[in-house]
Amino acid sequence: MESSAVIRALGALAQEHRLGAFRLLVQAGEQGLPAGEIAERLGVVSSSMSFHLAALANAGLVTQRRQSRSIIYCADFAAMNGLMGYLTDNCCGGVPCMPDLSCGVDQQAARGAA
């Protein structure tokens, strides 16, 4: 994933309603959710939700399809995995991350500094 795509994706997710919508779509899986239902679940006006979903689509994080009179949005799992891969690519200096490892920071030293 190129850094410009990462910046667009992170920028799109750096807003409460867009992050909430993306989380709902990830939970919904491949079947996705209609825009109206996303707006209802998040307590957002439909016109505002359309704006936020368009931002997510423009960032490549969601796809959309027409189903009858509704537009169904789905998380783009390949894009999400690409973003996560980009963010963790250099995590922990190439060493697999472990729950008790804080990316190369010595836990004892970190506790002592607190």
PDB file of N, CA and C in Angstrom:
ATOM      1  N   MET A   1       0.853  -1.169   0.000  1.00  0.00           N
ATOM      2  CA  MET A   1       0.000   0.000   0.000  1.00  0.00           C
ATOM      3  C   MET A   1       0.900   1.233   0.000  1.00  0.00           C
ATOM      4  N   GLU A   2       0.563   2.185  -0.841  1.00  0.00           N
ATOM      5  CA  GLU A   2       1.372   3.399  -0.948  1.00  0.00           C
ATOM      6  C   GLU A   2       1.011   4.379   0.161  1.00  0.00           C
ATOM      7  N   SER A   3       1.978   5.203   0.541  1.00  0.00           N
ATOM      8  CA  SER A   3       1.758   6.123   1.651  1.00  0.00           C
ATOM      9  C   SER A   3       0.617   7.104   1.376  1.00  0.00           C
ATOM     10  N   SER A   4       0.399   7.507   0.123  1.00  0.00           N
ATOM     11  CA  SER A   4      -0.702   8.434  -0.168  1.00  0.00           C
ATOM     12  C   SER A   4      -2.058   7.779   0.113  1.00  0.00           C
ATOM     13  N   ALA A   5      -2.195   6.494  -0.177  1.00  0.00           N
ATOM     14  CA  ALA A   5      -3.441   5.773   0.118  1.00  0.00           C
ATOM     15  C   ALA A   5      -3.622   5.610   1.624  1.00  0.00           C
ATOM     16  N   VAL A   6      -2.530   5.381   2.329  1.00  0.00           N
ATOM     17  CA  VAL A   6      -2.586   5.249   3.784  1.00  0.00           C
ATOM     18  C   VAL A   6      -3.045   6.568   4.404  1.00  0.00           C
ATOM     19  N   ILE A   7      -2.508   7.668   3.917  1.00  0.00           N
ATOM     20  CA  ILE A   7      -2.879   8.987   4.436  1.00  0.00           C
ATOM     21  C   ILE A   7      -4.360   9.260   4.192  1.00  0.00           C
ATOM     22  N   ARG A   8      -4.860   8.933   3.001  1.00  0.00           N
ATOM     23  CA  ARG A   8      -6.292   9.113   2.705  1.00  0.00           C
ATOM     24  C   ARG A   8      -7.147   8.255   3.629  1.00  0.00           C
ATOM     25  N   ALA A   9      -6.748   7.002   3.817  1.00  0.00           N
ATOM     26  CA  ALA A   9      -7.526   6.085   4.665  1.00  0.00           C
ATOM     27  C   ALA A   9      -7.540   6.559   6.120  1.00  0.00           C
ATOM     28  N   LEU A  10      -6.379   6.916   6.643  1.00  0.00           N
ATOM     29  CA  LEU A  10      -6.321   7.368   8.031  1.00  0.00           C
ATOM     30  C   LEU A  10      -7.072   8.687   8.209  1.00  0.00           C
ATOM     31  N   GLY A  11      -6.982   9.557   7.210  1.00  0.00           N
ATOM     32  CA  GLY A  11      -7.730  10.814   7.260  1.00  0.00           C
ATOM     33  C   GLY A  11      -9.225  10.578   7.286  1.00  0.00           C
ATOM     34  N   ALA A  12      -9.676   9.616   6.498  1.00  0.00           N
ATOM     35  CA  ALA A  12     -11.108   9.295   6.458  1.00  0.00           C
ATOM     36  C   ALA A  12     -11.571   8.707   7.787  1.00  0.00           C
ATOM     37  N   LEU A  13     -10.737   7.917   8.412  1.00  0.00           N
ATOM     38  CA  LEU A  13     -11.109   7.276   9.675  1.00  0.00           C
ATOM     39  C   LEU A  13     -10.964   8.205  10.883  1.00  0.00           C
ATOM     40  N   ALA A  14     -10.337   9.349  10.682  1.00  0.00           N
ATOM     41  CA  ALA A  14     -10.082  10.275  11.795  1.00  0.00           C
ATOM     42  C   ALA A  14     -11.279  11.188  12.053  1.00  0.00           C
ATOM     43  N   GLN A  15     -12.447  10.605  12.047  1.00  0.00           N
ATOM     44  CA  GLN A  15     -13.684  11.343  12.307  1.00  0.00           C
ATOM     45  C   GLN A  15     -14.652  10.358  12.966  1.00  0.00           C
ATOM     46  N   GLU A  16     -15.318  10.796  14.017  1.00  0.00           N
ATOM     47  CA  GLU A  16     -16.129   9.905  14.844  1.00  0.00           C
ATOM     48  C   GLU A  16     -17.176   9.109  14.064  1.00  0.00           C
ATOM     49  N   HIS A  17     -17.956   9.766  13.211  1.00  0.00           N
ATOM     50  CA  HIS A  17     -19.034   9.069  12.499  1.00  0.00           C
ATOM     51  C   HIS A  17     -18.491   8.130  11.421  1.00  0.00           C
ATOM     52  N   ARG A  18     -17.418   8.540  10.770  1.00  0.00           N
ATOM     53  CA  ARG A  18     -16.829   7.658   9.751  1.00  0.00           C
ATOM     54  C   ARG A  18     -16.195   6.436  10.398  1.00  0.00           C
ATOM     55  N   LEU A  19     -15.514   6.629  11.512  1.00  0.00           N
ATOM     56  CA  LEU A  19     -14.929   5.486  12.216  1.00  0.00           C
ATOM     57  C   LEU A  19     -16.029   4.553  12.705  1.00  0.00           C
ATOM     58  N   GLY A  20     -17.099   5.110  13.241  1.00  0.00           N
ATOM     59  CA  GLY A  20     -18.223   4.297  13.690  1.00  0.00           C
ATOM     60  C   GLY A  20     -18.866   3.520  12.558  1.00  0.00           C
ATOM     61  N   ALA A  21     -19.045   4.181  11.419  1.00  0.00           N
ATOM     62  CA  ALA A  21     -19.631   3.516  10.249  1.00  0.00           C
ATOM     63  C   ALA A  21     -18.727   2.385   9.767  1.00  0.00           C
ATOM     64  N   PHE A  22     -17.430   2.647   9.724  1.00  0.00           N
ATOM     65  CA  PHE A  22     -16.502   1.613   9.258  1.00  0.00           C
ATOM     66  C   PHE A  22     -16.525   0.418  10.211  1.00  0.00           C
ATOM     67  N   ARG A  23     -16.567   0.669  11.499  1.00  0.00           N
ATOM     68  CA  ARG A  23     -16.628  -0.425  12.472  1.00  0.00           C
ATOM     69  C   ARG A  23     -17.898  -1.251  12.282  1.00  0.00           C
ATOM     70  N   LEU A  24     -19.033  -0.581  12.064  1.00  0.00           N
ATOM     71  CA  LEU A  24     -20.286  -1.305  11.811  1.00  0.00           C
ATOM     72  C   LEU A  24     -20.175  -2.174  10.558  1.00  0.00           C
ATOM     73  N   LEU A  25     -19.557  -1.617   9.521  1.00  0.00           N
ATOM     74  CA  LEU A  25     -19.435  -2.359   8.264  1.00  0.00           C
ATOM     75  C   LEU A  25     -18.499  -3.557   8.398  1.00  0.00           C
ATOM     76  N   VAL A  26     -17.461  -3.410   9.182  1.00  0.00           N
ATOM     77  CA  VAL A  26     -16.564  -4.549   9.432  1.00  0.00           C
ATOM     78  C   VAL A  26     -17.337  -5.641  10.159  1.00  0.00           C
ATOM     79  N   GLN A  27     -18.125  -5.255  11.151  1.00  0.00           N
ATOM     80  CA  GLN A  27     -18.918  -6.228  11.898  1.00  0.00           C
ATOM     81  C   GLN A  27     -19.985  -6.883  11.021  1.00  0.00           C
ATOM     82  N   ALA A  28     -20.531  -6.142  10.070  1.00  0.00           N
ATOM     83  CA  ALA A  28     -21.582  -6.671   9.195  1.00  0.00           C
ATOM     84  C   ALA A  28     -21.034  -7.693   8.205  1.00  0.00           C
ATOM     85  N   GLY A  29     -19.745  -7.638   7.929  1.00  0.00           N
ATOM     86  CA  GLY A  29     -19.139  -8.589   7.004  1.00  0.00           C
ATOM     87  C   GLY A  29     -19.490  -8.310   5.560  1.00  0.00           C
ATOM     88  N   GLU A  30     -19.428  -9.349   4.748  1.00  0.00           N
ATOM     89  CA  GLU A  30     -19.616  -9.203   3.302  1.00  0.00           C
ATOM     90  C   GLU A  30     -21.019  -8.785   2.904  1.00  0.00           C
ATOM     91  N   GLN A  31     -22.015  -9.034   3.735  1.00  0.00           N
ATOM     92  CA  GLN A  31     -23.380  -8.648   3.361  1.00  0.00           C
ATOM     93  C   GLN A  31     -23.567  -7.143   3.422  1.00  0.00           C
ATOM     94  N   GLY A  32     -22.792  -6.458   4.260  1.00  0.00           N
ATOM     95  CA  GLY A  32     -22.866  -5.012   4.342  1.00  0.00           C
ATOM     96  C   GLY A  32     -24.136  -4.513   4.997  1.00  0.00           C
ATOM     97  N   LEU A  33     -24.331  -3.199   4.920  1.00  0.00           N
ATOM     98  CA  LEU A  33     -25.501  -2.559   5.507  1.00  0.00           C
ATOM     99  C   LEU A  33     -25.986  -1.438   4.604  1.00  0.00           C
ATOM    100  N   PRO A  34     -27.291  -1.203   4.579  1.00  0.00           N
ATOM    101  CA  PRO A  34     -27.802  -0.048   3.827  1.00  0.00           C
ATOM    102  C   PRO A  34     -27.432   1.248   4.551  1.00  0.00           C
ATOM    103  N   ALA A  35     -27.262   2.293   3.772  1.00  0.00           N
ATOM    104  CA  ALA A  35     -26.862   3.591   4.323  1.00  0.00           C
ATOM    105  C   ALA A  35     -27.820   4.057   5.412  1.00  0.00           C
ATOM    106  N   GLY A  36     -29.106   3.885   5.214  1.00  0.00           N
ATOM    107  CA  GLY A  36     -30.096   4.320   6.199  1.00  0.00           C
ATOM    108  C   GLY A  36     -29.947   3.621   7.527  1.00  0.00           C
ATOM    109  N   GLU A  37     -29.640   2.343   7.491  1.00  0.00           N
ATOM    110  CA  GLU A  37     -29.467   1.588   8.738  1.00  0.00           C
ATOM    111  C   GLU A  37     -28.207   2.037   9.469  1.00  0.00           C
ATOM    112  N   ILE A  38     -27.152   2.327   8.719  1.00  0.00           N
ATOM    113  CA  ILE A  38     -25.923   2.821   9.344  1.00  0.00           C
ATOM    114  C   ILE A  38     -26.209   4.146  10.047  1.00  0.00           C
ATOM    115  N   ALA A  39     -26.908   5.034   9.346  1.00  0.00           N
ATOM    116  CA  ALA A  39     -27.251   6.341   9.923  1.00  0.00           C
ATOM    117  C   ALA A  39     -28.091   6.181  11.179  1.00  0.00           C
ATOM    118  N   GLU A  40     -29.064   5.283  11.116  1.00  0.00           N
ATOM    119  CA  GLU A  40     -29.949   5.052  12.262  1.00  0.00           C
ATOM    120  C   GLU A  40     -29.174   4.516  13.459  1.00  0.00           C
ATOM    121  N   ARG A  41     -28.328   3.531  13.228  1.00  0.00           N
ATOM    122  CA  ARG A  41     -27.555   2.932  14.323  1.00  0.00           C
ATOM    123  C   ARG A  41     -26.613   3.936  14.978  1.00  0.00           C
ATOM    124  N   LEU A  42     -26.090   4.853  14.171  1.00  0.00           N
ATOM    125  CA  LEU A  42     -25.142   5.832  14.708  1.00  0.00           C
ATOM    126  C   LEU A  42     -25.820   7.111  15.184  1.00  0.00           C
ATOM    127  N   GLY A  43     -27.124   7.234  14.914  1.00  0.00           N
ATOM    128  CA  GLY A  43     -27.842   8.440  15.311  1.00  0.00           C
ATOM    129  C   GLY A  43     -27.423   9.661  14.524  1.00  0.00           C
ATOM    130  N   VAL A  44     -27.175   9.458  13.233  1.00  0.00           N
ATOM    131  CA  VAL A  44     -26.719  10.533  12.348  1.00  0.00           C
ATOM    132  C   VAL A  44     -27.776  10.769  11.284  1.00  0.00           C
ATOM    133  N   VAL A  45     -27.988  12.007  10.913  1.00  0.00           N
ATOM    134  CA  VAL A  45     -28.925  12.352   9.846  1.00  0.00           C
ATOM    135  C   VAL A  45     -28.461  11.685   8.545  1.00  0.00           C
ATOM    136  N   SER A  46     -29.399  11.160   7.771  1.00  0.00           N
ATOM    137  CA  SER A  46     -29.067  10.411   6.551  1.00  0.00           C
ATOM    138  C   SER A  46     -28.187  11.204   5.586  1.00  0.00           C
ATOM    139  N   SER A  47     -28.483  12.488   5.407  1.00  0.00           N
ATOM    140  CA  SER A  47     -27.682  13.285   4.465  1.00  0.00           C
ATOM    141  C   SER A  47     -26.239  13.415   4.952  1.00  0.00           C
ATOM    142  N   SER A  48     -26.042  13.547   6.247  1.00  0.00           N
ATOM    143  CA  SER A  48     -24.686  13.603   6.799  1.00  0.00           C
ATOM    144  C   SER A  48     -23.991  12.256   6.639  1.00  0.00           C
ATOM    145  N   MET A  49     -24.745  11.172   6.864  1.00  0.00           N
ATOM    146  CA  MET A  49     -24.151   9.845   6.743  1.00  0.00           C
ATOM    147  C   MET A  49     -23.701   9.591   5.317  1.00  0.00           C
ATOM    148  N   SER A  50     -24.476  10.062   4.341  1.00  0.00           N
ATOM    149  CA  SER A  50     -24.087   9.900   2.939  1.00  0.00           C
ATOM    150  C   SER A  50     -22.751  10.583   2.672  1.00  0.00           C
ATOM    151  N   PHE A  51     -22.563  11.760   3.248  1.00  0.00           N
ATOM    152  CA  PHE A  51     -21.300  12.486   3.114  1.00  0.00           C
ATOM    153  C   PHE A  51     -20.155  11.669   3.703  1.00  0.00           C
ATOM    154  N   HIS A  52     -20.354  11.111   4.883  1.00  0.00           N
ATOM    155  CA  HIS A  52     -19.303  10.333   5.544  1.00  0.00           C
ATOM    156  C   HIS A  52     -19.004   9.035   4.795  1.00  0.00           C
ATOM    157  N   LEU A  53     -20.038   8.374   4.300  1.00  0.00           N
ATOM    158  CA  LEU A  53     -19.822   7.137   3.531  1.00  0.00           C
ATOM    159  C   LEU A  53     -19.091   7.430   2.224  1.00  0.00           C
ATOM    160  N   ALA A  54     -19.384   8.571   1.614  1.00  0.00           N
ATOM    161  CA  ALA A  54     -18.673   8.966   0.389  1.00  0.00           C
ATOM    162  C   ALA A  54     -17.190   9.188   0.685  1.00  0.00           C
ATOM    163  N   ALA A  55     -16.888   9.764   1.845  1.00  0.00           N
ATOM    164  CA  ALA A  55     -15.493   9.971   2.229  1.00  0.00           C
ATOM    165  C   ALA A  55     -14.775   8.639   2.415  1.00  0.00           C
ATOM    166  N   LEU A  56     -15.455   7.676   3.023  1.00  0.00           N
ATOM    167  CA  LEU A  56     -14.865   6.345   3.204  1.00  0.00           C
ATOM    168  C   LEU A  56     -14.662   5.646   1.862  1.00  0.00           C
ATOM    169  N   ALA A  57     -15.632   5.805   0.964  1.00  0.00           N
ATOM    170  CA  ALA A  57     -15.512   5.206  -0.373  1.00  0.00           C
ATOM    171  C   ALA A  57     -14.371   5.852  -1.147  1.00  0.00           C
ATOM    172  N   ASN A  58     -14.260   7.177  -1.055  1.00  0.00           N
ATOM    173  CA  ASN A  58     -13.192   7.898  -1.747  1.00  0.00           C
ATOM    174  C   ASN A  58     -11.815   7.471  -1.233  1.00  0.00           C
ATOM    175  N   ALA A  59     -11.746   7.107   0.037  1.00  0.00           N
ATOM    176  CA  ALA A  59     -10.488   6.641   0.620  1.00  0.00           C
ATOM    177  C   ALA A  59     -10.219   5.172   0.303  1.00  0.00           C
ATOM    178  N   GLY A  60     -11.169   4.514  -0.355  1.00  0.00           N
ATOM    179  CA  GLY A  60     -10.988   3.112  -0.736  1.00  0.00           C
ATOM    180  C   GLY A  60     -11.261   2.126   0.379  1.00  0.00           C
ATOM    181  N   LEU A  61     -11.924   2.566   1.434  1.00  0.00           N
ATOM    182  CA  LEU A  61     -12.171   1.677   2.579  1.00  0.00           C
ATOM    183  C   LEU A  61     -13.498   0.941   2.498  1.00  0.00           C
ATOM    184  N   VAL A  62     -14.430   1.439   1.699  1.00  0.00           N
ATOM    185  CA  VAL A  62     -15.724   0.777   1.555  1.00  0.00           C
ATOM    186  C   VAL A  62     -16.096   0.680   0.082  1.00  0.00           C
ATOM    187  N   THR A  63     -16.929  -0.295  -0.199  1.00  0.00           N
ATOM    188  CA  THR A  63     -17.504  -0.434  -1.533  1.00  0.00           C
ATOM    189  C   THR A  63     -19.008  -0.261  -1.399  1.00  0.00           C
ATOM    190  N   GLN A  64     -19.649  -0.028  -2.515  1.00  0.00           N
ATOM    191  CA  GLN A  64     -21.095   0.142  -2.492  1.00  0.00           C
ATOM    192  C   GLN A  64     -21.722  -0.587  -3.669  1.00  0.00           C
ATOM    193  N   ARG A  65     -22.945  -1.039  -3.456  1.00  0.00           N
ATOM    194  CA  ARG A  65     -23.697  -1.683  -4.527  1.00  0.00           C
ATOM    195  C   ARG A  65     -25.164  -1.314  -4.349  1.00  0.00           C
ATOM    196  N   ARG A  66     -25.857  -1.269  -5.461  1.00  0.00           N
ATOM    197  CA  ARG A  66     -27.285  -0.965  -5.420  1.00  0.00           C
ATOM    198  C   ARG A  66     -28.051  -2.271  -5.254  1.00  0.00           C
ATOM    199  N   GLN A  67     -28.993  -2.246  -4.331  1.00  0.00           N
ATOM    200  CA  GLN A  67     -29.873  -3.384  -4.119  1.00  0.00           C
ATOM    201  C   GLN A  67     -31.282  -2.808  -4.037  1.00  0.00           C
ATOM    202  N   SER A  68     -32.045  -2.984  -5.103  1.00  0.00           N
ATOM    203  CA  SER A  68     -33.368  -2.405  -5.218  1.00  0.00           C
ATOM    204  C   SER A  68     -33.238  -0.891  -5.122  1.00  0.00           C
ATOM    205  N   ARG A  69     -33.865  -0.288  -4.125  1.00  0.00           N
ATOM    206  CA  ARG A  69     -33.771   1.168  -3.991  1.00  0.00           C
ATOM    207  C   ARG A  69     -32.726   1.602  -2.976  1.00  0.00           C
ATOM    208  N   SER A  70     -32.043   0.652  -2.374  1.00  0.00           N
ATOM    209  CA  SER A  70     -31.041   0.962  -1.351  1.00  0.00           C
ATOM    210  C   SER A  70     -29.638   0.854  -1.900  1.00  0.00           C
ATOM    211  N   ILE A  71     -28.748   1.597  -1.277  1.00  0.00           N
ATOM    212  CA  ILE A  71     -27.321   1.436  -1.546  1.00  0.00           C
ATOM    213  C   ILE A  71     -26.738   0.718  -0.339  1.00  0.00           C
ATOM    214  N   ILE A  72     -26.110  -0.417  -0.607  1.00  0.00           N
ATOM    215  CA  ILE A  72     -25.522  -1.247   0.437  1.00  0.00           C
ATOM    216  C   ILE A  72     -24.018  -0.968   0.463  1.00  0.00           C
ATOM    217  N   TYR A  73     -23.525  -0.659   1.637  1.00  0.00           N
ATOM    218  CA  TYR A  73     -22.100  -0.396   1.811  1.00  0.00           C
ATOM    219  C   TYR A  73     -21.451  -1.586   2.496  1.00  0.00           C
ATOM    220  N   CYS A  74     -20.228  -1.898   2.083  1.00  0.00           N
ATOM    221  CA  CYS A  74     -19.452  -2.993   2.662  1.00  0.00           C
ATOM    222  C   CYS A  74     -18.033  -2.508   2.926  1.00  0.00           C
ATOM    223  N   ALA A  75     -17.452  -2.984   4.011  1.00  0.00           N
ATOM    224  CA  ALA A  75     -16.038  -2.703   4.261  1.00  0.00           C
ATOM    225  C   ALA A  75     -15.221  -3.417   3.195  1.00  0.00           C
ATOM    226  N   ASP A  76     -14.190  -2.751   2.708  1.00  0.00           N
ATOM    227  CA  ASP A  76     -13.262  -3.379   1.768  1.00  0.00           C
ATOM    228  C   ASP A  76     -12.164  -4.024   2.612  1.00  0.00           C
ATOM    229  N   PHE A  77     -12.302  -5.328   2.837  1.00  0.00           N
ATOM    230  CA  PHE A  77     -11.392  -6.023   3.733  1.00  0.00           C
ATOM    231  C   PHE A  77      -9.969  -6.087   3.189  1.00  0.00           C
ATOM    232  N   ALA A  78      -9.805  -6.121   1.882  1.00  0.00           N
ATOM    233  CA  ALA A  78      -8.455  -6.115   1.306  1.00  0.00           C
ATOM    234  C   ALA A  78      -7.777  -4.783   1.606  1.00  0.00           C
ATOM    235  N   ALA A  79      -8.510  -3.680   1.482  1.00  0.00           N
ATOM    236  CA  ALA A  79      -7.947  -2.359   1.790  1.00  0.00           C
ATOM    237  C   ALA A  79      -7.633  -2.258   3.285  1.00  0.00           C
ATOM    238  N   MET A  80      -8.529  -2.768   4.122  1.00  0.00           N
ATOM    239  CA  MET A  80      -8.307  -2.731   5.567  1.00  0.00           C
ATOM    240  C   MET A  80      -7.061  -3.534   5.931  1.00  0.00           C
ATOM    241  N   ASN A  81      -6.931  -4.712   5.352  1.00  0.00           N
ATOM    242  CA  ASN A  81      -5.754  -5.541   5.632  1.00  0.00           C
ATOM    243  C   ASN A  81      -4.481  -4.892   5.121  1.00  0.00           C
ATOM    244  N   GLY A  82      -4.569  -4.226   3.974  1.00  0.00           N
ATOM    245  CA  GLY A  82      -3.415  -3.502   3.438  1.00  0.00           C
ATOM    246  C   GLY A  82      -2.995  -2.373   4.367  1.00  0.00           C
ATOM    247  N   LEU A  83      -3.972  -1.650   4.884  1.00  0.00           N
ATOM    248  CA  LEU A  83      -3.688  -0.563   5.826  1.00  0.00           C
ATOM    249  C   LEU A  83      -3.045  -1.105   7.100  1.00  0.00           C
ATOM    250  N   MET A  84      -3.617  -2.167   7.634  1.00  0.00           N
ATOM    251  CA  MET A  84      -3.055  -2.763   8.845  1.00  0.00           C
ATOM    252  C   MET A  84      -1.644  -3.294   8.589  1.00  0.00           C
ATOM    253  N   GLY A  85      -1.448  -3.900   7.441  1.00  0.00           N
ATOM    254  CA  GLY A  85      -0.124  -4.396   7.095  1.00  0.00           C
ATOM    255  C   GLY A  85       0.892  -3.273   6.995  1.00  0.00           C
ATOM    256  N   TYR A  86       0.484  -2.165   6.380  1.00  0.00           N
ATOM    257  CA  TYR A  86       1.363  -1.004   6.259  1.00  0.00           C
ATOM    258  C   TYR A  86       1.737  -0.469   7.636  1.00  0.00           C
ATOM    259  N   LEU A  87       0.740  -0.376   8.517  1.00  0.00           N
ATOM    260  CA  LEU A  87       0.985   0.189   9.846  1.00  0.00           C
ATOM    261  C   LEU A  87       1.855  -0.713  10.712  1.00  0.00           C
ATOM    262  N   THR A  88       1.775  -2.007  10.512  1.00  0.00           N
ATOM    263  CA  THR A  88       2.547  -2.932  11.346  1.00  0.00           C
ATOM    264  C   THR A  88       3.798  -3.456  10.652  1.00  0.00           C
ATOM    265  N   ASP A  89       4.063  -3.004   9.449  1.00  0.00           N
ATOM    266  CA  ASP A  89       5.187  -3.508   8.666  1.00  0.00           C
ATOM    267  C   ASP A  89       6.511  -3.413   9.413  1.00  0.00           C
ATOM    268  N   ASN A  90       6.745  -2.330  10.082  1.00  0.00           N
ATOM    269  CA  ASN A  90       8.013  -2.147  10.784  1.00  0.00           C
ATOM    270  C   ASN A  90       7.845  -2.187  12.297  1.00  0.00           C
ATOM    271  N   CYS A  91       6.740  -2.728  12.723  1.00  0.00           N
ATOM    272  CA  CYS A  91       6.480  -2.817  14.161  1.00  0.00           C
ATOM    273  C   CYS A  91       7.517  -3.710  14.824  1.00  0.00           C
ATOM    274  N   CYS A  92       7.974  -3.290  15.969  1.00  0.00           N
ATOM    275  CA  CYS A  92       8.877  -4.096  16.792  1.00  0.00           C
ATOM    276  C   CYS A  92      10.168  -4.469  16.073  1.00  0.00           C
ATOM    277  N   GLY A  93      10.615  -3.661  15.148  1.00  0.00           N
ATOM    278  CA  GLY A  93      11.879  -3.907  14.460  1.00  0.00           C
ATOM    279  C   GLY A  93      11.903  -5.200  13.687  1.00  0.00           C
ATOM    280  N   GLY A  94      10.743  -5.641  13.191  1.00  0.00           N
ATOM    281  CA  GLY A  94      10.672  -6.860  12.411  1.00  0.00           C
ATOM    282  C   GLY A  94      10.468  -8.114  13.234  1.00  0.00           C
ATOM    283  N   VAL A  95      10.521  -7.983  14.557  1.00  0.00           N
ATOM    284  CA  VAL A  95      10.293  -9.112  15.454  1.00  0.00           C
ATOM    285  C   VAL A  95       8.788  -9.246  15.654  1.00  0.00           C
ATOM    286  N   PRO A  96       8.229 -10.449  15.598  1.00  0.00           N
ATOM    287  CA  PRO A  96       6.790 -10.595  15.817  1.00  0.00           C
ATOM    288  C   PRO A  96       6.373  -9.959  17.145  1.00  0.00           C
ATOM    289  N   CYS A  97       5.318  -9.178  17.100  1.00  0.00           N
ATOM    290  CA  CYS A  97       4.837  -8.491  18.308  1.00  0.00           C
ATOM    291  C   CYS A  97       4.226  -9.501  19.265  1.00  0.00           C
ATOM    292  N   MET A  98       4.488  -9.289  20.529  1.00  0.00           N
ATOM    293  CA  MET A  98       3.934 -10.129  21.579  1.00  0.00           C
ATOM    294  C   MET A  98       3.143  -9.245  22.525  1.00  0.00           C
ATOM    295  N   PRO A  99       2.172  -9.809  23.227  1.00  0.00           N
ATOM    296  CA  PRO A  99       1.341  -8.997  24.122  1.00  0.00           C
ATOM    297  C   PRO A  99       2.135  -8.201  25.149  1.00  0.00           C
ATOM    298  N   ASP A 100       3.241  -8.751  25.665  1.00  0.00           N
ATOM    299  CA  ASP A 100       4.002  -8.054  26.700  1.00  0.00           C
ATOM    300  C   ASP A 100       5.164  -7.242  26.148  1.00  0.00           C
ATOM    301  N   LEU A 101       5.295  -7.162  24.827  1.00  0.00           N
ATOM    302  CA  LEU A 101       6.373  -6.416  24.196  1.00  0.00           C
ATOM    303  C   LEU A 101       5.813  -5.125  23.630  1.00  0.00           C
ATOM    304  N   SER A 102       6.421  -4.031  23.965  1.00  0.00           N
ATOM    305  CA  SER A 102       5.943  -2.735  23.492  1.00  0.00           C
ATOM    306  C   SER A 102       6.881  -2.192  22.428  1.00  0.00           C
ATOM    307  N   CYS A 103       6.974  -2.890  21.327  1.00  0.00           N
ATOM    308  CA  CYS A 103       7.749  -2.463  20.152  1.00  0.00           C
ATOM    309  C   CYS A 103       9.149  -1.981  20.494  1.00  0.00           C
ATOM    310  N   GLY A 104       9.890  -2.811  21.193  1.00  0.00           N
ATOM    311  CA  GLY A 104      11.292  -2.507  21.455  1.00  0.00           C
ATOM    312  C   GLY A 104      11.533  -1.681  22.703  1.00  0.00           C
ATOM    313  N   VAL A 105      10.482  -1.255  23.369  1.00  0.00           N
ATOM    314  CA  VAL A 105      10.657  -0.474  24.592  1.00  0.00           C
ATOM    315  C   VAL A 105      10.794  -1.454  25.753  1.00  0.00           C
ATOM    316  N   ASP A 106      11.841  -1.307  26.518  1.00  0.00           N
ATOM    317  CA  ASP A 106      12.050  -2.152  27.676  1.00  0.00           C
ATOM    318  C   ASP A 106      10.974  -1.843  28.705  1.00  0.00           C
ATOM    319  N   GLN A 107      10.162  -2.848  29.052  1.00  0.00           N
ATOM    320  CA  GLN A 107       9.038  -2.643  29.957  1.00  0.00           C
ATOM    321  C   GLN A 107       9.505  -2.165  31.329  1.00  0.00           C
ATOM    322  N   GLN A 108      10.604  -2.721  31.849  1.00  0.00           N
ATOM    323  CA  GLN A 108      11.109  -2.306  33.168  1.00  0.00           C
ATOM    324  C   GLN A 108      11.524  -0.843  33.126  1.00  0.00           C
ATOM    325  N   ALA A 109      12.231  -0.451  32.072  1.00  0.00           N
ATOM    326  CA  ALA A 109      12.676   0.939  31.943  1.00  0.00           C
ATOM    327  C   ALA A 109      11.484   1.867  31.823  1.00  0.00           C
ATOM    328  N   ALA A 110      10.451   1.422  31.076  1.00  0.00           N
ATOM    329  CA  ALA A 110       9.251   2.236  30.898  1.00  0.00           C
ATOM    330  C   ALA A 110       8.524   2.414  32.231  1.00  0.00           C
ATOM    331  N   ARG A 111       8.466   1.351  33.039  1.00  0.00           N
ATOM    332  CA  ARG A 111       7.811   1.443  34.338  1.00  0.00           C
ATOM    333  C   ARG A 111       8.593   2.341  35.291  1.00  0.00           C
ATOM    334  N   GLY A 112       9.907   2.239  35.222  1.00  0.00           N
ATOM    335  CA  GLY A 112      10.765   3.038  36.098  1.00  0.00           C
ATOM    336  C   GLY A 112      10.672   4.530  35.785  1.00  0.00           C
ATOM    337  N   ALA A 113      10.419   4.859  34.523  1.00  0.00           N
ATOM    338  CA  ALA A 113      10.309   6.258  34.127  1.00  0.00           C
ATOM    339  C   ALA A 113       8.981   6.857  34.524  1.00  0.00           C
ATOM    340  N   ALA A 114       8.000   6.017  34.804  1.00  0.00           N
ATOM    341  CA  ALA A 114       6.658   6.526  35.127  1.00  0.00           C
ATOM    342  C   ALA A 114       6.524   7.062  36.527  1.00  0.00           C
TER     343      ALA A 114
END
